Protein backbone atom coordinates (compact mmCIF):
# COMPACT_ATOMS: atom_id res chain seq x y z
CA MET A 1 -40.30 -61.12 -30.66
CA PHE A 2 -39.46 -60.78 -27.04
CA VAL A 3 -35.80 -60.59 -25.94
CA THR A 4 -34.92 -63.75 -23.89
CA PRO A 5 -33.00 -63.16 -20.61
CA ALA A 6 -29.83 -64.78 -22.00
CA TYR A 7 -29.50 -62.08 -24.52
CA ALA A 8 -30.31 -59.36 -21.99
CA GLN A 9 -27.47 -60.59 -19.48
CA ALA A 10 -24.91 -60.76 -22.31
CA ALA A 11 -25.23 -57.19 -23.04
CA GLY A 12 -22.26 -56.36 -20.64
CA GLY A 13 -19.82 -58.23 -22.64
CA ALA A 14 -15.99 -58.16 -21.66
CA ALA A 15 -16.08 -54.53 -19.98
CA GLY A 16 -18.38 -55.98 -17.34
CA ALA A 17 -16.11 -58.85 -16.68
CA PHE A 18 -12.99 -56.70 -16.10
CA THR A 19 -14.90 -54.18 -13.79
CA SER A 20 -15.91 -57.18 -11.63
CA PHE A 21 -12.23 -57.93 -11.00
CA VAL A 22 -11.18 -54.25 -10.08
CA PRO A 23 -12.29 -54.49 -6.35
CA LEU A 24 -10.31 -57.77 -6.08
CA ILE A 25 -7.26 -56.25 -7.58
CA LEU A 26 -7.68 -53.06 -5.27
CA ILE A 27 -7.99 -55.33 -2.13
CA PHE A 28 -4.73 -57.19 -3.00
CA VAL A 29 -2.86 -53.93 -3.55
CA ILE A 30 -4.08 -52.48 -0.34
CA MET A 31 -3.05 -55.86 1.57
CA TYR A 32 0.42 -55.68 0.00
CA LEU A 33 1.05 -52.01 0.92
CA LEU A 34 -0.37 -52.53 4.61
CA LEU A 35 0.74 -55.94 5.41
CA ILE A 36 3.16 -57.82 2.95
CA ARG A 37 5.63 -54.97 2.53
CA PRO A 38 6.02 -53.72 6.01
CA GLN A 39 6.66 -57.30 7.15
CA GLN A 40 9.19 -57.92 4.65
CA LYS A 41 11.02 -54.93 5.65
CA LYS A 42 10.91 -55.93 9.39
CA LEU A 43 12.35 -59.38 8.23
CA LYS A 44 15.20 -57.80 6.41
CA GLU A 45 16.04 -55.63 9.27
CA HIS A 46 16.12 -58.47 11.87
CA LYS A 47 18.15 -60.50 9.70
CA ALA A 48 20.56 -57.64 9.35
CA MET A 49 20.66 -57.26 13.00
CA VAL A 50 21.31 -60.83 13.81
CA GLU A 51 24.07 -61.04 11.21
CA ALA A 52 25.87 -58.09 12.80
CA LEU A 53 25.88 -59.62 16.33
CA ARG A 54 29.40 -59.77 17.65
CA ARG A 55 31.14 -60.59 21.14
CA GLY A 56 30.47 -58.13 23.79
CA ASP A 57 26.62 -57.07 22.47
CA GLN A 58 24.20 -56.98 25.20
CA ILE A 59 20.93 -58.70 23.96
CA VAL A 60 17.43 -59.81 24.62
CA THR A 61 16.19 -63.13 23.36
CA GLN A 62 12.50 -63.88 22.42
CA GLY A 63 12.10 -65.61 25.50
CA GLY A 64 13.05 -62.55 27.63
CA ILE A 65 16.61 -63.59 28.68
CA ILE A 66 18.88 -60.57 28.87
CA GLY A 67 22.72 -61.38 28.57
CA LYS A 68 25.96 -60.44 26.83
CA VAL A 69 27.22 -62.37 23.76
CA SER A 70 30.37 -64.21 24.76
CA LYS A 71 31.00 -66.32 21.58
CA VAL A 72 29.67 -66.18 18.17
CA LYS A 73 29.55 -69.52 16.52
CA GLU A 74 29.48 -70.29 12.73
CA ASP A 75 26.50 -72.84 12.79
CA GLY A 76 23.81 -70.41 13.62
CA GLU A 77 24.31 -70.20 17.49
CA ILE A 78 25.76 -67.70 19.74
CA GLU A 79 26.94 -68.30 23.36
CA VAL A 80 25.15 -65.88 25.76
CA GLU A 81 26.50 -65.32 29.43
CA ILE A 82 23.38 -64.44 31.34
CA ALA A 83 25.21 -64.41 34.91
CA GLU A 84 28.78 -64.47 36.06
CA GLY A 85 30.05 -67.75 34.97
CA VAL A 86 26.49 -68.96 33.63
CA ARG A 87 26.74 -69.30 29.86
CA VAL A 88 23.72 -70.74 27.50
CA ARG A 89 23.80 -71.40 23.70
CA VAL A 90 21.01 -69.65 21.78
CA VAL A 91 19.84 -69.85 18.24
CA ARG A 92 20.87 -66.46 16.66
CA SER A 93 17.32 -66.22 14.99
CA THR A 94 15.90 -65.88 18.45
CA VAL A 95 17.45 -62.66 19.52
CA ALA A 96 14.78 -60.05 19.63
CA THR A 97 16.92 -56.69 20.12
CA VAL A 98 20.32 -55.67 20.87
CA LEU A 99 20.42 -53.37 23.91
CA VAL A 100 24.08 -52.25 23.88
CA LYS A 101 26.08 -52.58 20.70
CA SER A 102 30.00 -53.19 21.47
CA GLU A 103 32.53 -51.08 19.79
CA PRO A 104 34.68 -52.92 17.34
CA ALA A 105 38.37 -53.67 18.53
CA ALA A 106 40.86 -51.31 17.26
CA SER A 107 43.28 -52.85 15.05
């Protein structure tokens, strides 16, 4: 005659299961909008900047070295002149910013 606790707990059904996942889904959406999406946008902009490097650009590397691009190589490297007659090879992806963009040569 008495209702057992198992029957009382099962009263929620499928609607109760869905409502328990709503906060989890909401947290994922907020994480995507606040963290993942801006990071992907920043990565895309950095990739475009690195691909657009050319001779004469003044750059800053992630290590803090400021120099002028003297040669752009095909294997993911650039040659940077950091002082008169001093050139170093730098991996393209380590360029943090481009300070001065050189103008393309007139044809």
